[in-house]
Amino acid sequence: MISKKSGVILNVNSGAGKAGFSNLSAYCASKFGLVGLAESLALEVSEHQNIRVLTIFLGEVATKMWQEYDFRYYQKNKSKMLQPKDVAEEIAEMIFDTNTYKNGDSFEMYSSDI
């Protein structure tokens, strides 16, 4: 990216990167670690104006992970969860909207109240 003088690193995080959850300690630790990685990388590339490091924090997304983690909860709430297509659209916007999303920025996208 530095040699090409442009690029985007977009980290997909979750609410588990901001708060701990019971029985998900390893997952939460990895998501908290991702926050530190993103912040450090953003500083490391800050002198390169066309390189951005971004993070999106997601709420519950209707994915296979939720089906496997708690199938009953997933079945009951999947219509209220974020849809993968909507997440993908927001990620694309973050990547391509260079006026709104600057290096080091993050965005939170959560599902409707469950």
Protein backbone atom coordinates (compact mmCIF):
# COMPACT_ATOMS: atom_id res chain seq x y z
CA MET A 1 0.00 0.00 0.00
CA ILE A 2 2.79 2.40 0.83
CA SER A 3 4.53 1.79 -2.50
CA LYS A 4 1.22 2.20 -4.34
CA LYS A 5 0.39 5.25 -2.19
CA SER A 6 -3.17 4.12 -1.55
CA GLY A 7 -5.27 1.48 0.12
CA VAL A 8 -7.82 0.68 2.79
CA ILE A 9 -7.62 -1.75 5.69
CA LEU A 10 -11.09 -2.31 7.08
CA ASN A 11 -11.37 -4.26 10.31
CA VAL A 12 -14.67 -6.01 11.02
CA ASN A 13 -15.25 -5.91 14.74
CA SER A 14 -18.24 -6.39 17.02
CA GLY A 15 -19.72 -5.20 20.27
CA ALA A 16 -17.44 -7.82 21.81
CA GLY A 17 -14.59 -5.44 21.02
CA LYS A 18 -16.06 -2.93 23.45
CA ALA A 19 -17.51 -5.11 26.24
CA GLY A 20 -16.87 -8.58 27.58
CA PHE A 21 -19.44 -11.36 27.30
CA SER A 22 -19.83 -14.50 29.38
CA ASN A 23 -18.54 -17.70 27.74
CA LEU A 24 -16.93 -15.72 24.90
CA SER A 25 -13.63 -14.72 26.51
CA ALA A 26 -11.37 -15.77 23.62
CA TYR A 27 -13.66 -14.13 21.06
CA CYS A 28 -13.83 -10.91 23.11
CA ALA A 29 -10.06 -10.90 23.59
CA SER A 30 -9.53 -11.15 19.84
CA LYS A 31 -11.99 -8.31 19.19
CA PHE A 32 -10.39 -6.08 21.85
CA GLY A 33 -7.02 -6.87 20.24
CA LEU A 34 -8.38 -5.79 16.89
CA VAL A 35 -9.11 -2.34 18.34
CA GLY A 36 -5.47 -1.96 19.36
CA LEU A 37 -4.25 -3.23 16.00
CA ALA A 38 -6.47 -0.79 14.09
CA GLU A 39 -5.45 2.17 16.24
CA SER A 40 -1.75 1.33 15.88
CA LEU A 41 -1.94 0.76 12.13
CA ALA A 42 -3.82 4.04 11.65
CA LEU A 43 -0.97 5.86 13.39
CA GLU A 44 1.65 3.97 11.40
CA VAL A 45 0.16 5.01 8.04
CA SER A 46 -0.93 8.50 9.09
CA GLU A 47 1.79 10.18 7.01
CA HIS A 48 0.42 8.48 3.89
CA GLN A 49 -2.69 10.49 3.01
CA ASN A 50 -4.27 7.92 0.70
CA ILE A 51 -4.02 4.97 3.07
CA ARG A 52 -6.81 4.52 5.59
CA VAL A 53 -7.39 2.08 8.43
CA LEU A 54 -11.08 1.80 9.36
CA THR A 55 -13.12 -0.32 11.76
CA ILE A 56 -16.78 -1.28 11.71
CA PHE A 57 -18.38 -2.50 14.93
CA LEU A 58 -21.32 -4.78 14.23
CA GLY A 59 -24.18 -5.93 16.37
CA GLU A 60 -25.89 -9.24 15.82
CA VAL A 61 -25.69 -10.34 12.18
CA ALA A 62 -27.87 -13.15 10.86
CA THR A 63 -25.02 -15.56 10.14
CA LYS A 64 -24.12 -19.20 10.59
CA MET A 65 -22.12 -18.22 13.69
CA TRP A 66 -25.33 -17.16 15.45
CA GLN A 67 -27.14 -20.30 14.27
CA GLU A 68 -24.42 -22.46 15.79
CA TYR A 69 -23.96 -20.37 18.95
CA ASP A 70 -27.64 -20.24 19.98
CA PHE A 71 -30.04 -21.72 17.43
CA ARG A 72 -33.21 -20.95 19.42
CA TYR A 73 -32.21 -17.33 19.90
CA TYR A 74 -31.30 -17.07 16.23
CA GLN A 75 -34.64 -18.51 15.10
CA LYS A 76 -36.56 -16.12 17.36
CA ASN A 77 -34.57 -12.98 16.48
CA LYS A 78 -33.09 -13.42 12.99
CA SER A 79 -35.55 -10.96 11.44
CA LYS A 80 -34.31 -8.25 13.83
CA MET A 81 -30.63 -8.97 13.24
CA LEU A 82 -28.46 -7.11 10.77
CA GLN A 83 -28.55 -8.72 7.36
CA PRO A 84 -25.22 -9.61 5.70
CA LYS A 85 -26.21 -7.64 2.57
CA ASP A 86 -26.72 -4.46 4.62
CA VAL A 87 -23.37 -4.95 6.33
CA ALA A 88 -21.65 -5.45 2.96
CA GLU A 89 -23.21 -2.24 1.63
CA GLU A 90 -21.97 -0.26 4.63
CA ILE A 91 -18.48 -1.72 4.29
CA ALA A 92 -18.40 -0.75 0.61
CA GLU A 93 -19.48 2.79 1.53
CA MET A 94 -16.71 3.03 4.13
CA ILE A 95 -14.12 1.90 1.61
CA PHE A 96 -15.16 4.16 -1.25
CA ASP A 97 -16.41 7.30 0.57
CA THR A 98 -13.06 8.96 1.20
CA ASN A 99 -14.70 12.25 2.21
CA THR A 100 -16.70 10.79 5.10
CA TYR A 101 -14.41 8.03 6.41
CA LYS A 102 -10.92 9.21 7.32
CA ASN A 103 -7.94 7.21 8.54
CA GLY A 104 -8.60 5.89 12.04
CA ASP A 105 -12.38 6.27 11.85
CA SER A 106 -14.80 3.67 13.11
CA PHE A 107 -18.50 3.14 12.55
CA GLU A 108 -21.04 1.29 14.69
CA MET A 109 -23.86 -0.65 13.09
CA TYR A 110 -26.25 -2.41 15.42
CA SER A 111 -29.45 -4.35 14.88
CA SER A 112 -32.83 -3.13 16.01
CA ASP A 113 -33.64 -3.65 19.66
CA ILE A 114 -34.20 -7.30 20.39
